[in-house]
PDB file of all heavy atoms in Angstrom:
ATOM      1  N   VAL A   1      34.561  13.469  39.352  1.00  0.00           N
ATOM      2  CA  VAL A   1      34.692  14.859  38.939  1.00  0.00           C
ATOM      3  C   VAL A   1      35.805  15.557  39.723  1.00  0.00           C
ATOM      4  O   VAL A   1      36.611  16.288  39.158  1.00  0.00           O
ATOM      5  CB  VAL A   1      33.356  15.610  39.140  1.00  0.00           C
ATOM      6  CG1 VAL A   1      33.467  17.080  38.791  1.00  0.00           C
ATOM      7  CG2 VAL A   1      32.248  14.937  38.353  1.00  0.00           C
ATOM      8  N   ARG A   2      35.839  15.289  41.037  1.00  0.00           N
ATOM      9  CA  ARG A   2      36.855  15.925  41.878  1.00  0.00           C
ATOM     10  C   ARG A   2      36.820  15.282  43.261  1.00  0.00           C
ATOM     11  O   ARG A   2      35.913  14.549  43.594  1.00  0.00           O
ATOM     12  CB  ARG A   2      36.614  17.425  42.009  1.00  0.00           C
ATOM     13  CG  ARG A   2      35.374  17.777  42.802  1.00  0.00           C
ATOM     14  CD  ARG A   2      35.086  19.282  42.855  1.00  0.00           C
ATOM     15  NE  ARG A   2      33.894  19.563  43.599  1.00  0.00           N
ATOM     16  CZ  ARG A   2      32.639  19.317  43.230  1.00  0.00           C
ATOM     17  NH1 ARG A   2      32.415  18.740  42.068  1.00  0.00           N
ATOM     18  NH2 ARG A   2      31.622  19.604  43.995  1.00  0.00           N
ATOM     19  N   TYR A   3      37.818  15.592  44.051  1.00  0.00           N
ATOM     20  CA  TYR A   3      37.817  15.258  45.466  1.00  0.00           C
ATOM     21  C   TYR A   3      37.616  16.572  46.204  1.00  0.00           C
ATOM     22  O   TYR A   3      38.189  17.598  45.826  1.00  0.00           O
ATOM     23  CB  TYR A   3      39.137  14.606  45.883  1.00  0.00           C
ATOM     24  CG  TYR A   3      39.254  13.172  45.441  1.00  0.00           C
ATOM     25  CD1 TYR A   3      39.621  12.846  44.138  1.00  0.00           C
ATOM     26  CD2 TYR A   3      38.968  12.140  46.318  1.00  0.00           C
ATOM     27  CE1 TYR A   3      39.707  11.532  43.726  1.00  0.00           C
ATOM     28  CE2 TYR A   3      39.053  10.816  45.913  1.00  0.00           C
ATOM     29  CZ  TYR A   3      39.426  10.525  44.621  1.00  0.00           C
ATOM     30  OH  TYR A   3      39.503   9.217  44.212  1.00  0.00           O
ATOM     31  N   GLY A   4      36.774  16.550  47.227  1.00  0.00           N
ATOM     32  CA  GLY A   4      36.502  17.778  47.968  1.00  0.00           C
ATOM     33  C   GLY A   4      36.101  17.483  49.393  1.00  0.00           C
ATOM     34  O   GLY A   4      35.997  16.321  49.800  1.00  0.00           O
ATOM     35  N   THR A   5      35.870  18.533  50.148  1.00  0.00           N
ATOM     36  CA  THR A   5      35.497  18.372  51.546  1.00  0.00           C
ATOM     37  C   THR A   5      34.096  17.778  51.661  1.00  0.00           C
ATOM     38  O   THR A   5      33.287  17.873  50.737  1.00  0.00           O
ATOM     39  CB  THR A   5      35.536  19.714  52.288  1.00  0.00           C
ATOM     40  OG1 THR A   5      34.655  20.620  51.637  1.00  0.00           O
ATOM     41  CG2 THR A   5      36.940  20.296  52.315  1.00  0.00           C
ATOM     42  N   ASP A   6      33.828  17.187  52.794  1.00  0.00           N
ATOM     43  CA  ASP A   6      32.526  16.599  53.078  1.00  0.00           C
ATOM     44  C   ASP A   6      31.476  17.709  53.072  1.00  0.00           C
ATOM     45  O   ASP A   6      31.579  18.669  53.823  1.00  0.00           O
ATOM     46  CB  ASP A   6      32.578  15.927  54.451  1.00  0.00           C
ATOM     47  CG  ASP A   6      31.263  15.323  54.887  1.00  0.00           C
ATOM     48  OD1 ASP A   6      30.261  15.428  54.148  1.00  0.00           O
ATOM     49  OD2 ASP A   6      31.230  14.742  55.983  1.00  0.00           O
ATOM     50  N   PRO A   7      30.448  17.591  52.226  1.00  0.00           N
ATOM     51  CA  PRO A   7      29.446  18.663  52.158  1.00  0.00           C
ATOM     52  C   PRO A   7      28.640  18.819  53.448  1.00  0.00           C
ATOM     53  O   PRO A   7      28.007  19.847  53.666  1.00  0.00           O
ATOM     54  CB  PRO A   7      28.541  18.236  50.998  1.00  0.00           C
ATOM     55  CG  PRO A   7      28.763  16.779  50.835  1.00  0.00           C
ATOM     56  CD  PRO A   7      30.160  16.508  51.303  1.00  0.00           C
ATOM     57  N   PHE A   8      28.697  17.819  54.330  1.00  0.00           N
ATOM     58  CA  PHE A   8      27.978  17.894  55.602  1.00  0.00           C
ATOM     59  C   PHE A   8      28.905  18.188  56.774  1.00  0.00           C
ATOM     60  O   PHE A   8      28.482  18.194  57.919  1.00  0.00           O
ATOM     61  CB  PHE A   8      27.215  16.583  55.851  1.00  0.00           C
ATOM     62  CG  PHE A   8      26.245  16.282  54.743  1.00  0.00           C
ATOM     63  CD1 PHE A   8      26.529  15.297  53.820  1.00  0.00           C
ATOM     64  CD2 PHE A   8      25.078  17.011  54.603  1.00  0.00           C
ATOM     65  CE1 PHE A   8      25.643  15.022  52.785  1.00  0.00           C
ATOM     66  CE2 PHE A   8      24.196  16.759  53.572  1.00  0.00           C
ATOM     67  CZ  PHE A   8      24.479  15.762  52.658  1.00  0.00           C
ATOM     68  N   ASN A   9      30.182  18.377  56.478  1.00  0.00           N
ATOM     69  CA  ASN A   9      31.194  18.696  57.489  1.00  0.00           C
ATOM     70  C   ASN A   9      31.218  17.703  58.645  1.00  0.00           C
ATOM     71  O   ASN A   9      31.487  18.095  59.783  1.00  0.00           O
ATOM     72  CB  ASN A   9      30.998  20.124  58.011  1.00  0.00           C
ATOM     73  CG  ASN A   9      31.181  21.150  56.935  1.00  0.00           C
ATOM     74  OD1 ASN A   9      32.116  21.052  56.140  1.00  0.00           O
ATOM     75  ND2 ASN A   9      30.294  22.114  56.876  1.00  0.00           N
ATOM     76  N   SER A  10      30.958  16.441  58.361  1.00  0.00           N
ATOM     77  CA  SER A  10      30.992  15.452  59.439  1.00  0.00           C
ATOM     78  C   SER A  10      32.175  14.498  59.308  1.00  0.00           C
ATOM     79  O   SER A  10      32.318  13.586  60.099  1.00  0.00           O
ATOM     80  CB  SER A  10      29.681  14.670  59.493  1.00  0.00           C
ATOM     81  OG  SER A  10      29.471  13.958  58.298  1.00  0.00           O
ATOM     82  N   SER A  11      33.017  14.709  58.308  1.00  0.00           N
ATOM     83  CA  SER A  11      34.174  13.842  58.103  1.00  0.00           C
ATOM     84  C   SER A  11      35.407  14.678  57.777  1.00  0.00           C
ATOM     85  O   SER A  11      35.314  15.645  57.030  1.00  0.00           O
ATOM     86  CB  SER A  11      33.901  12.873  56.946  1.00  0.00           C
ATOM     87  OG  SER A  11      35.080  12.163  56.637  1.00  0.00           O
ATOM     88  N   PRO A  12      36.552  14.283  58.315  1.00  0.00           N
ATOM     89  CA  PRO A  12      37.786  15.001  57.998  1.00  0.00           C
ATOM     90  C   PRO A  12      38.378  14.588  56.648  1.00  0.00           C
ATOM     91  O   PRO A  12      39.322  15.194  56.174  1.00  0.00           O
ATOM     92  CB  PRO A  12      38.728  14.595  59.138  1.00  0.00           C
ATOM     93  CG  PRO A  12      38.285  13.208  59.498  1.00  0.00           C
ATOM     94  CD  PRO A  12      36.783  13.221  59.313  1.00  0.00           C
ATOM     95  N   PHE A  13      37.815  13.569  56.017  1.00  0.00           N
ATOM     96  CA  PHE A  13      38.372  13.039  54.780  1.00  0.00           C
ATOM     97  C   PHE A  13      37.890  13.798  53.556  1.00  0.00           C
ATOM     98  O   PHE A  13      36.794  14.350  53.539  1.00  0.00           O
ATOM     99  CB  PHE A  13      37.990  11.565  54.613  1.00  0.00           C
ATOM    100  CG  PHE A  13      38.537  10.690  55.692  1.00  0.00           C
ATOM    101  CD1 PHE A  13      37.708  10.178  56.670  1.00  0.00           C
ATOM    102  CD2 PHE A  13      39.886  10.394  55.735  1.00  0.00           C
ATOM    103  CE1 PHE A  13      38.208   9.375  57.670  1.00  0.00           C
ATOM    104  CE2 PHE A  13      40.399   9.588  56.735  1.00  0.00           C
ATOM    105  CZ  PHE A  13      39.557   9.081  57.708  1.00  0.00           C
ATOM    106  N   GLN A  14      38.718  13.763  52.521  1.00  0.00           N
ATOM    107  CA  GLN A  14      38.300  14.260  51.224  1.00  0.00           C
ATOM    108  C   GLN A  14      37.296  13.270  50.651  1.00  0.00           C
ATOM    109  O   GLN A  14      37.519  12.059  50.698  1.00  0.00           O
ATOM    110  CB  GLN A  14      39.502  14.383  50.286  1.00  0.00           C
ATOM    111  CG  GLN A  14      40.477  15.467  50.700  1.00  0.00           C
ATOM    112  CD  GLN A  14      39.890  16.835  50.459  1.00  0.00           C
ATOM    113  OE1 GLN A  14      39.556  17.187  49.345  1.00  0.00           O
ATOM    114  NE2 GLN A  14      39.754  17.623  51.516  1.00  0.00           N
ATOM    115  N   MET A  15      36.197  13.768  50.137  1.00  0.00           N
ATOM    116  CA  MET A  15      35.168  12.920  49.556  1.00  0.00           C
ATOM    117  C   MET A  15      35.341  12.875  48.042  1.00  0.00           C
ATOM    118  O   MET A  15      35.916  13.786  47.438  1.00  0.00           O
ATOM    119  CB  MET A  15      33.777  13.454  49.887  1.00  0.00           C
ATOM    120  CG  MET A  15      33.451  13.432  51.352  1.00  0.00           C
ATOM    121  SD  MET A  15      33.243  11.754  51.927  1.00  0.00           S
ATOM    122  CE  MET A  15      34.074  11.848  53.491  1.00  0.00           C
ATOM    123  N   MET A  16      34.848  11.830  47.427  1.00  0.00           N
ATOM    124  CA  MET A  16      34.917  11.645  45.987  1.00  0.00           C
ATOM    125  C   MET A  16      33.602  12.157  45.381  1.00  0.00           C
ATOM    126  O   MET A  16      32.549  11.560  45.581  1.00  0.00           O
ATOM    127  CB  MET A  16      35.096  10.159  45.672  1.00  0.00           C
ATOM    128  CG  MET A  16      35.171   9.841  44.204  1.00  0.00           C
ATOM    129  SD  MET A  16      35.169   8.050  43.908  1.00  0.00           S
ATOM    130  CE  MET A  16      36.596   7.518  44.822  1.00  0.00           C
ATOM    131  N   CYS A  17      33.679  13.266  44.684  1.00  0.00           N
ATOM    132  CA  CYS A  17      32.501  13.820  44.012  1.00  0.00           C
ATOM    133  C   CYS A  17      32.462  13.225  42.609  1.00  0.00           C
ATOM    134  O   CYS A  17      33.470  13.205  41.917  1.00  0.00           O
ATOM    135  CB  CYS A  17      32.582  15.334  43.949  1.00  0.00           C
ATOM    136  SG  CYS A  17      32.699  16.089  45.581  1.00  0.00           S
ATOM    137  N   ASN A  18      31.293  12.727  42.234  1.00  0.00           N
ATOM    138  CA  ASN A  18      31.188  12.057  40.945  1.00  0.00           C
ATOM    139  C   ASN A  18      29.855  12.372  40.283  1.00  0.00           C
ATOM    140  O   ASN A  18      28.964  12.942  40.913  1.00  0.00           O
ATOM    141  CB  ASN A  18      31.385  10.552  41.122  1.00  0.00           C
ATOM    142  CG  ASN A  18      30.294   9.925  41.933  1.00  0.00           C
ATOM    143  OD1 ASN A  18      29.281   9.521  41.379  1.00  0.00           O
ATOM    144  ND2 ASN A  18      30.451   9.849  43.249  1.00  0.00           N
ATOM    145  N   SER A  19      29.736  12.003  39.037  1.00  0.00           N
ATOM    146  CA  SER A  19      28.522  12.297  38.278  1.00  0.00           C
ATOM    147  C   SER A  19      27.601  11.088  38.137  1.00  0.00           C
ATOM    148  O   SER A  19      26.593  11.162  37.450  1.00  0.00           O
ATOM    149  CB  SER A  19      28.885  12.839  36.892  1.00  0.00           C
ATOM    150  OG  SER A  19      29.584  11.865  36.135  1.00  0.00           O
ATOM    151  N   ALA A  20      27.921   9.969  38.809  1.00  0.00           N
ATOM    152  CA  ALA A  20      27.047   8.780  38.765  1.00  0.00           C
ATOM    153  C   ALA A  20      25.929   8.988  39.777  1.00  0.00           C
ATOM    154  O   ALA A  20      26.188   9.035  40.972  1.00  0.00           O
ATOM    155  CB  ALA A  20      27.834   7.521  39.103  1.00  0.00           C
ATOM    156  N   PRO A  21      24.698   9.154  39.314  1.00  0.00           N
ATOM    157  CA  PRO A  21      23.598   9.397  40.262  1.00  0.00           C
ATOM    158  C   PRO A  21      23.484   8.299  41.312  1.00  0.00           C
ATOM    159  O   PRO A  21      23.520   7.113  40.994  1.00  0.00           O
ATOM    160  CB  PRO A  21      22.358   9.426  39.370  1.00  0.00           C
ATOM    161  CG  PRO A  21      22.874   9.829  38.026  1.00  0.00           C
ATOM    162  CD  PRO A  21      24.225   9.184  37.928  1.00  0.00           C
ATOM    163  N   ILE A  22      23.405   8.718  42.567  1.00  0.00           N
ATOM    164  CA  ILE A  22      23.210   7.797  43.676  1.00  0.00           C
ATOM    165  C   ILE A  22      21.736   7.851  44.024  1.00  0.00           C
ATOM    166  O   ILE A  22      21.224   8.887  44.444  1.00  0.00           O
ATOM    167  CB  ILE A  22      24.097   8.179  44.876  1.00  0.00           C
ATOM    168  CG1 ILE A  22      25.573   8.035  44.500  1.00  0.00           C
ATOM    169  CG2 ILE A  22      23.755   7.320  46.097  1.00  0.00           C
ATOM    170  CD1 ILE A  22      26.543   8.579  45.527  1.00  0.00           C
ATOM    171  N   GLU A  23      21.052   6.753  43.796  1.00  0.00           N
ATOM    172  CA  GLU A  23      19.617   6.691  44.028  1.00  0.00           C
ATOM    173  C   GLU A  23      19.315   6.863  45.518  1.00  0.00           C
ATOM    174  O   GLU A  23      20.057   6.350  46.372  1.00  0.00           O
ATOM    175  CB  GLU A  23      19.066   5.343  43.554  1.00  0.00           C
ATOM    176  CG  GLU A  23      19.323   5.037  42.094  1.00  0.00           C
ATOM    177  CD  GLU A  23      18.353   5.715  41.172  1.00  0.00           C
ATOM    178  OE1 GLU A  23      17.268   6.096  41.625  1.00  0.00           O
ATOM    179  OE2 GLU A  23      18.682   5.858  39.983  1.00  0.00           O
ATOM    180  N   HIS A  24      18.238   7.574  45.833  1.00  0.00           N
ATOM    181  CA  HIS A  24      17.816   7.745  47.223  1.00  0.00           C
ATOM    182  C   HIS A  24      17.641   6.362  47.855  1.00  0.00           C
ATOM    183  O   HIS A  24      16.992   5.499  47.279  1.00  0.00           O
ATOM    184  CB  HIS A  24      16.494   8.526  47.272  1.00  0.00           C
ATOM    185  CG  HIS A  24      15.979   8.715  48.652  1.00  0.00           C
ATOM    186  ND1 HIS A  24      16.576   9.573  49.548  1.00  0.00           N
ATOM    187  CD2 HIS A  24      14.941   8.136  49.303  1.00  0.00           C
ATOM    188  CE1 HIS A  24      15.905   9.528  50.679  1.00  0.00           C
ATOM    189  NE2 HIS A  24      14.918   8.669  50.559  1.00  0.00           N
ATOM    190  N   GLY A  25      18.241   6.173  49.011  1.00  0.00           N
ATOM    191  CA  GLY A  25      18.165   4.879  49.676  1.00  0.00           C
ATOM    192  C   GLY A  25      19.302   3.938  49.328  1.00  0.00           C
ATOM    193  O   GLY A  25      19.299   2.784  49.737  1.00  0.00           O
ATOM    194  N   SER A  26      20.291   4.425  48.576  1.00  0.00           N
ATOM    195  CA  SER A  26      21.425   3.577  48.198  1.00  0.00           C
ATOM    196  C   SER A  26      22.700   3.923  48.949  1.00  0.00           C
ATOM    197  O   SER A  26      23.770   3.429  48.597  1.00  0.00           O
ATOM    198  CB  SER A  26      21.695   3.693  46.687  1.00  0.00           C
ATOM    199  OG  SER A  26      20.700   3.043  45.961  1.00  0.00           O
ATOM    200  N   SER A  27      22.618   4.742  49.983  1.00  0.00           N
ATOM    201  CA  SER A  27      23.819   5.049  50.772  1.00  0.00           C
ATOM    202  C   SER A  27      24.416   3.753  51.288  1.00  0.00           C
ATOM    203  O   SER A  27      23.703   2.850  51.714  1.00  0.00           O
ATOM    204  CB  SER A  27      23.473   5.963  51.939  1.00  0.00           C
ATOM    205  OG  SER A  27      23.040   7.205  51.473  1.00  0.00           O
ATOM    206  N   GLY A  28      25.738   3.671  51.228  1.00  0.00           N
ATOM    207  CA  GLY A  28      26.436   2.462  51.650  1.00  0.00           C
ATOM    208  C   GLY A  28      26.686   1.480  50.528  1.00  0.00           C
ATOM    209  O   GLY A  28      27.374   0.484  50.719  1.00  0.00           O
ATOM    210  N   SER A  29      26.159   1.763  49.356  1.00  0.00           N
ATOM    211  CA  SER A  29      26.370   0.892  48.197  1.00  0.00           C
ATOM    212  C   SER A  29      27.725   1.179  47.562  1.00  0.00           C
ATOM    213  O   SER A  29      28.255   2.275  47.679  1.00  0.00           O
ATOM    214  CB  SER A  29      25.264   1.119  47.166  1.00  0.00           C
ATOM    215  OG  SER A  29      24.014   0.755  47.694  1.00  0.00           O
TER     216      SER A  29
END
């Protein structure tokens, strides 16, 4: 959808915001 700032403000990088649901417990996938 867009690139934007880290919603948790813990990274200086632009994050990739997307519409593909990330299932709870799938971080790092």
